[in-house]
Structures are given as C-alpha cells and as structure tokens.
Amino acid sequence: MKKKMHIVSSTDDNYAQHLGMTLSSLLENTSNPKDFVISIIDGGISQEKKQLLKETAAAYNTPLDFLDVNLDAYGGAIASRHISKAAYYRISIPEMMDPAIERTLYVDCDMLVLDDVKKLFEADMEGNIVAAVGDYGEHRRLEKMGITKEDRYFNSGLILIDMKAWRENDITNKVLTFINENPDKLAWHDQDALNAILWNDWLMLHPKWNAQTHVILKEYKAKSLKEERVLRTVRETPSIVHFCGEEKPWQEGSIHPYTDGYYEYLAKTAFAAKTKNSLSV
C-alpha cells in the first residue's frame, strides 16, 4: 500500500475560512490529493465550520480529521491581536499523532499553496529535526533572547517534521518549558520558542516554499546580488505564499499582489457556497 503523506494545520474559528482556502490551493496543486491525510488542530472551531472544512477536503476525496490539544499545557502562552493561542498548538503535533508516521508537514492556515508539496516530503533532511524557511523580518531574535549571536532563525509557518527525531529529542516538552519559563522573551510567540530550542537543528529550505510578505512586498532588502536573484524568483514564482504580517488579502483595500489568488481558491471551498455573496470574514 502506498504510504500516505500527512499534512497538519491549526486554526480557531476566526481563521477557519482562510484555512479552507489553504486546503483548496494545496489539494488543487498536487498530482493526487488522495495521497494526503489532513489533520486540523482544533483551536476552537465551531461545528458548522468544521463541517465546511470537511466538505472542502471531501471534494478532493481527501480524508480530514480534527486533533484535540491539551489546552492546559499552553496556560503560559501569550496571544496578541494577530496571533491566537491556536498558533502554539503545532508544538504538540508529534504527541497527537500516530507514532508510526515518519514525517509531517505543518502549514499555517493563511498560506496560498501554488506548487505540489509532495516535493517537500522527498527532501533530504540531512539529519535535522525539522526543515523550514528562514524568517525575513530581520528580528535578530536569537541574539535578543540570549540564545546565540548566529542568525539562524526560521519562520514557523511551514515546518517539515521528522517525527521520530522530534520525539527522541523531547522537543515538545523543551519548547513548552521555554514558553513557561520565558514569557517575557516571546516577542514572536511560538516561533521564538521553537527557534530557541531548534536553532541549530533545522534544514533551510528554498524561500519559495514560504514566500513571506516582507519578501513579496519588497520590504526586505537583499544583502547581495545573489540573494536578490533568489528573492526575485520567489516573488515571481512562489511555491507557497504566506500571508503573514498585517497585510491580509481579506482586508478591504489590500495591496497584496496575491489577493486575487486568495479569492480564486476560496471560491473553490465549501465556505464560498455558504457565504454566497460575501467571501470575507
């Protein structure tokens, strides 16, 4: 039997519609959607929106289930206007899933997928616990947290996880401990905590797999001509567009160049049929 590829995301009720768009784009842009199994960490999703997410995946003959997280473990987690506690729950993915699963791809609920993510499952992780894309916010967070002066900091919106290595290294407990003991250091929430523990154990993926708003809108300035060539490719042909930051395509007057792409794939979801004349939150 062909081995299934496991995709995990996390959302609360407010972002469920955007996750529907993410699922639609992911399943539209793969050779065989039935090769995937999708799990959604339930950060407080209503039954109505759970059903819409199920219907969106069912249209591609892809199974979808929901995972319950131990909310008590995240009592020390700090939320903000743009980041809910649901963002932290990816930390518990290996503990919530079948131990037989070798790899899991976590994708944020605000990502527009334009390439076949099966390619990521084929990546050589070179002994690393996770693979991800560097963050282009230029925060120098590791140094500010007192971890290291090396600028190895990833964006947690897309993470390919070696499940066995994660468990063997007790990463979930280490990250949760860091969160509970260092709430004053978490300017960027779960992303800071994950980087604090995994900063030297992650493989850097090509930035096209997590094309962040800082890059798309040219807010980040390349450090070299070589880097600028890479980022030009990211802007022109991204594999995954990440609607991170404050510029959201569902906001009125959005200037994000992939706003039309967001609505194109949202229109293919069960949310579109439900909302009929309005596709905004």
Protein backbone atom coordinates (compact mmCIF):
# COMPACT_ATOMS: atom_id res chain seq x y z
CA MET A 1 0.00 0.00 0.00
CA LYS A 2 1.27 3.45 -0.91
CA LYS A 3 2.37 5.44 2.12
CA LYS A 4 0.17 8.45 2.91
CA MET A 5 1.59 11.95 3.36
CA HIS A 6 0.38 13.76 6.45
CA ILE A 7 -0.49 17.45 6.44
CA VAL A 8 -1.32 19.29 9.66
CA SER A 9 -2.64 22.78 10.26
CA SER A 10 -4.18 24.63 13.18
CA THR A 11 -6.91 27.23 13.45
CA ASP A 12 -9.51 28.83 15.64
CA ASP A 13 -12.98 29.74 14.39
CA ASN A 14 -11.93 33.15 13.05
CA TYR A 15 -9.37 31.73 10.61
CA ALA A 16 -11.26 28.59 9.58
CA GLN A 17 -12.36 30.17 6.29
CA HIS A 18 -8.75 31.08 5.43
CA LEU A 19 -7.70 27.53 6.21
CA GLY A 20 -10.33 26.37 3.73
CA MET A 21 -8.54 28.44 1.08
CA THR A 22 -5.21 26.90 2.10
CA LEU A 23 -6.61 23.36 1.78
CA SER A 24 -8.22 24.10 -1.57
CA SER A 25 -4.99 25.50 -3.01
CA LEU A 26 -2.93 22.64 -1.60
CA LEU A 27 -5.22 19.95 -2.98
CA GLU A 28 -5.71 21.65 -6.34
CA ASN A 29 -1.96 21.81 -6.92
CA THR A 30 -0.93 18.22 -6.38
CA SER A 31 -0.87 15.21 -8.66
CA ASN A 32 -3.13 13.07 -6.47
CA PRO A 33 -4.96 14.63 -3.49
CA LYS A 34 -5.87 11.15 -2.21
CA ASP A 35 -2.22 10.63 -1.25
CA PHE A 36 -2.70 13.11 1.61
CA VAL A 37 -4.23 12.78 5.03
CA ILE A 38 -5.12 16.13 6.60
CA SER A 39 -5.37 16.77 10.33
CA ILE A 40 -6.57 20.05 11.80
CA ILE A 41 -5.69 21.02 15.36
CA ASP A 42 -8.92 22.32 16.87
CA GLY A 43 -8.19 25.71 18.39
CA GLY A 44 -11.87 26.40 18.96
CA ILE A 45 -13.66 25.69 15.68
CA SER A 46 -17.45 25.67 15.56
CA GLN A 47 -19.23 22.55 14.34
CA GLU A 48 -20.52 24.49 11.34
CA LYS A 49 -17.04 25.48 10.18
CA LYS A 50 -15.65 22.01 10.91
CA GLN A 51 -18.25 20.66 8.52
CA LEU A 52 -17.25 23.21 5.86
CA LEU A 53 -13.60 22.20 6.20
CA LYS A 54 -14.56 18.52 5.86
CA GLU A 55 -16.63 19.28 2.77
CA THR A 56 -13.75 21.24 1.23
CA ALA A 57 -11.39 18.28 1.62
CA ALA A 58 -14.05 15.73 0.63
CA ALA A 59 -14.41 17.45 -2.75
CA TYR A 60 -10.88 16.15 -3.46
CA ASN A 61 -11.50 12.71 -1.90
CA THR A 62 -9.04 13.59 0.85
CA PRO A 63 -9.68 12.46 4.44
CA LEU A 64 -9.70 15.18 7.11
CA ASP A 65 -9.89 14.81 10.87
CA PHE A 66 -9.54 17.05 13.90
CA LEU A 67 -7.00 16.82 16.70
CA ASP A 68 -7.63 17.88 20.29
CA VAL A 69 -4.81 19.59 22.11
CA ASN A 70 -4.11 19.67 25.84
CA LEU A 71 -5.02 23.31 26.47
CA ASP A 72 -3.60 23.23 30.00
CA ALA A 73 -0.11 22.84 28.54
CA TYR A 74 -0.44 26.28 26.96
CA GLY A 75 -1.52 28.21 30.01
CA GLY A 76 1.65 30.29 29.86
CA ALA A 77 1.33 31.07 26.15
CA ILE A 78 0.81 34.71 25.25
CA ALA A 79 -1.60 35.72 22.49
CA SER A 80 -1.81 39.03 20.61
CA ARG A 81 -4.01 40.84 18.11
CA HIS A 82 -2.56 38.93 15.16
CA ILE A 83 -1.57 35.65 16.85
CA SER A 84 -4.04 33.50 18.77
CA LYS A 85 -3.09 30.66 21.09
CA ALA A 86 -4.00 28.26 18.29
CA ALA A 87 -0.67 29.18 16.67
CA TYR A 88 1.18 27.49 19.54
CA TYR A 89 -0.52 24.14 19.15
CA ARG A 90 1.80 22.95 16.35
CA ILE A 91 4.31 22.33 19.15
CA SER A 92 2.32 19.25 20.20
CA ILE A 93 1.91 17.67 16.74
CA PRO A 94 4.16 14.61 17.30
CA GLU A 95 2.39 13.83 20.58
CA MET A 96 -1.07 13.97 19.00
CA MET A 97 -0.38 11.70 16.03
CA ASP A 98 0.30 8.03 15.31
CA PRO A 99 3.93 7.17 16.27
CA ALA A 100 4.23 5.22 13.01
CA ILE A 101 4.09 8.45 10.97
CA GLU A 102 7.62 9.31 9.84
CA ARG A 103 7.15 12.84 8.54
CA THR A 104 4.52 15.51 8.90
CA LEU A 105 4.23 18.81 7.06
CA TYR A 106 2.78 21.64 9.10
CA VAL A 107 1.27 24.54 7.12
CA ASP A 108 -0.19 27.72 8.57
CA CYS A 109 -3.86 28.48 7.98
CA ASP A 110 -3.04 31.61 5.95
CA MET A 111 -0.99 30.08 3.15
CA LEU A 112 -1.73 30.03 -0.57
CA VAL A 113 -0.18 26.84 -1.99
CA LEU A 114 0.82 27.04 -5.67
CA ASP A 115 3.12 24.02 -6.02
CA ASP A 116 3.00 20.31 -5.18
CA VAL A 117 4.08 19.94 -1.56
CA LYS A 118 4.87 16.27 -2.20
CA LYS A 119 8.28 17.58 -3.25
CA LEU A 120 8.95 18.54 0.35
CA PHE A 121 8.32 15.03 1.61
CA GLU A 122 11.12 13.87 -0.69
CA ALA A 123 13.67 16.32 0.76
CA ASP A 124 16.87 15.02 2.35
CA MET A 125 16.69 16.46 5.86
CA GLU A 126 20.38 15.70 6.43
CA GLY A 127 19.83 14.53 10.00
CA ASN A 128 17.93 17.64 11.08
CA ILE A 129 14.80 17.52 13.22
CA VAL A 130 12.84 20.00 11.08
CA ALA A 131 13.11 21.77 7.75
CA ALA A 132 11.82 25.30 7.25
CA VAL A 133 12.42 28.65 5.56
CA GLY A 134 14.37 31.47 7.17
CA ASP A 135 12.35 34.39 8.50
CA TYR A 136 12.76 37.64 6.57
CA GLY A 137 11.61 40.00 9.30
CA GLU A 138 15.21 40.73 10.34
CA HIS A 139 14.36 40.48 14.01
CA ARG A 140 17.66 39.00 15.26
CA ARG A 141 15.50 37.24 17.78
CA LEU A 142 18.02 34.57 18.86
CA GLU A 143 20.51 37.20 19.99
CA LYS A 144 17.81 39.19 21.78
CA MET A 145 16.66 36.04 23.60
CA GLY A 146 20.23 35.32 24.68
CA ILE A 147 20.41 32.04 22.74
CA THR A 148 23.19 32.71 20.23
CA LYS A 149 24.55 35.51 18.04
CA GLU A 150 24.18 33.30 14.96
CA ASP A 151 21.35 34.48 12.74
CA ARG A 152 19.68 31.09 12.17
CA TYR A 153 16.01 31.84 12.71
CA PHE A 154 13.17 30.18 10.79
CA ASN A 155 9.59 31.16 10.09
CA SER A 156 7.28 28.65 11.76
CA GLY A 157 4.51 28.95 9.16
CA LEU A 158 5.78 25.90 7.30
CA ILE A 159 7.66 23.12 9.08
CA LEU A 160 8.57 19.67 7.79
CA ILE A 161 8.96 17.49 10.90
CA ASP A 162 10.99 14.32 11.38
CA MET A 163 8.56 12.85 13.89
CA LYS A 164 10.90 10.22 15.35
CA ALA A 165 13.78 12.67 15.85
CA TRP A 166 11.39 15.20 17.43
CA ARG A 167 10.15 12.67 19.96
CA GLU A 168 13.59 11.23 20.70
CA ASN A 169 14.85 14.72 21.49
CA ASP A 170 11.78 15.57 23.61
CA ILE A 171 11.25 18.78 21.63
CA THR A 172 7.64 19.39 22.70
CA ASN A 173 8.49 19.42 26.40
CA LYS A 174 11.59 21.53 25.83
CA VAL A 175 9.64 24.14 23.88
CA LEU A 176 6.78 24.22 26.40
CA THR A 177 9.27 24.62 29.23
CA PHE A 178 10.88 27.54 27.44
CA ILE A 179 7.47 29.17 26.95
CA ASN A 180 6.53 28.81 30.60
CA GLU A 181 9.91 29.97 31.92
CA ASN A 182 10.48 32.85 29.50
CA PRO A 183 7.17 34.59 28.74
CA ASP A 184 8.92 37.97 28.65
CA LYS A 185 11.19 36.82 25.80
CA LEU A 186 8.47 35.69 23.39
CA ALA A 187 8.04 38.71 21.13
CA TRP A 188 7.12 36.38 18.26
CA HIS A 189 5.24 33.80 20.29
CA ASP A 190 5.62 30.10 19.39
CA GLN A 191 8.12 30.97 16.64
CA ASP A 192 10.57 32.36 19.20
CA ALA A 193 10.20 29.30 21.42
CA LEU A 194 10.66 26.82 18.56
CA ASN A 195 13.76 28.65 17.36
CA ALA A 196 15.19 28.84 20.87
CA ILE A 197 15.22 25.03 21.04
CA LEU A 198 15.77 24.09 17.37
CA TRP A 199 18.05 26.91 16.16
CA ASN A 200 20.88 24.51 15.31
CA ASP A 201 18.74 21.53 14.26
CA TRP A 202 16.87 22.74 11.17
CA LEU A 203 17.43 22.45 7.45
CA MET A 204 16.98 25.61 5.41
CA LEU A 205 14.52 25.21 2.53
CA HIS A 206 14.38 27.43 -0.54
CA PRO A 207 12.43 30.60 0.39
CA LYS A 208 9.90 29.95 -2.39
CA TRP A 209 8.28 27.42 -0.02
CA ASN A 210 7.32 30.18 2.41
CA ALA A 211 7.15 33.41 0.43
CA GLN A 212 6.62 35.89 3.23
CA THR A 213 5.03 39.31 2.94
CA HIS A 214 8.35 41.04 3.70
CA VAL A 215 9.73 39.48 0.51
CA ILE A 216 6.62 39.74 -1.68
CA LEU A 217 6.19 43.47 -0.93
CA LYS A 218 9.96 44.10 -1.20
CA GLU A 219 10.14 45.29 2.41
CA TYR A 220 13.18 43.10 2.95
CA LYS A 221 16.32 44.37 1.21
CA ALA A 222 18.60 41.68 -0.19
CA LYS A 223 22.13 41.56 1.22
CA SER A 224 23.75 40.61 -2.09
CA LEU A 225 23.08 40.38 -5.81
CA LYS A 226 22.86 36.60 -5.48
CA GLU A 227 20.22 36.87 -2.78
CA GLU A 228 18.28 39.41 -4.83
CA ARG A 229 18.17 36.96 -7.75
CA VAL A 230 16.76 34.30 -5.43
CA LEU A 231 14.16 36.63 -3.99
CA ARG A 232 13.12 37.82 -7.44
CA THR A 233 12.33 34.19 -8.25
CA VAL A 234 10.37 33.91 -5.01
CA ARG A 235 8.24 36.94 -5.90
CA GLU A 236 7.64 35.82 -9.47
CA THR A 237 7.07 32.09 -8.93
CA PRO A 238 6.43 31.30 -5.27
CA SER A 239 5.56 27.74 -4.31
CA ILE A 240 3.69 28.88 -1.19
CA VAL A 241 2.60 32.44 -0.44
CA HIS A 242 2.39 33.17 3.28
CA PHE A 243 0.01 35.97 4.22
CA CYS A 244 1.96 36.77 7.38
CA GLY A 245 2.18 40.22 8.91
CA GLU A 246 -0.51 42.87 8.85
CA GLU A 247 -1.21 42.98 5.07
CA LYS A 248 -4.03 40.46 4.61
CA PRO A 249 -5.84 39.79 1.30
CA TRP A 250 -9.21 39.57 3.02
CA GLN A 251 -8.92 43.11 4.35
CA GLU A 252 -10.61 45.88 2.40
CA GLY A 253 -8.16 47.73 0.16
CA SER A 254 -5.49 45.02 0.36
CA ILE A 255 -2.40 45.75 -1.77
CA HIS A 256 -1.04 42.22 -1.58
CA PRO A 257 -0.28 41.05 -5.15
CA TYR A 258 -1.72 37.60 -4.41
CA THR A 259 -5.08 38.86 -3.18
CA ASP A 260 -6.78 37.58 -6.33
CA GLY A 261 -5.19 34.19 -5.76
CA TYR A 262 -6.66 34.07 -2.28
CA TYR A 263 -10.18 34.68 -3.59
CA GLU A 264 -9.69 32.32 -6.53
CA TYR A 265 -9.07 29.37 -4.23
CA LEU A 266 -11.53 30.49 -1.56
CA ALA A 267 -14.19 30.31 -4.28
CA LYS A 268 -13.44 26.58 -4.63
CA THR A 269 -14.22 25.85 -0.97
CA ALA A 270 -17.41 24.93 0.84
CA PHE A 271 -17.16 28.33 2.56
CA ALA A 272 -17.87 30.05 -0.76
CA ALA A 273 -21.14 28.18 -1.22
CA LYS A 274 -22.12 29.01 2.35
CA THR A 275 -21.39 32.73 2.17
CA LYS A 276 -22.68 33.11 -1.41
CA ASN A 277 -22.45 36.84 -1.96
CA SER A 278 -19.67 37.58 0.50
CA LEU A 279 -16.30 35.84 0.77
CA SER A 280 -14.89 37.97 3.55
CA VAL A 281 -14.91 37.45 7.29
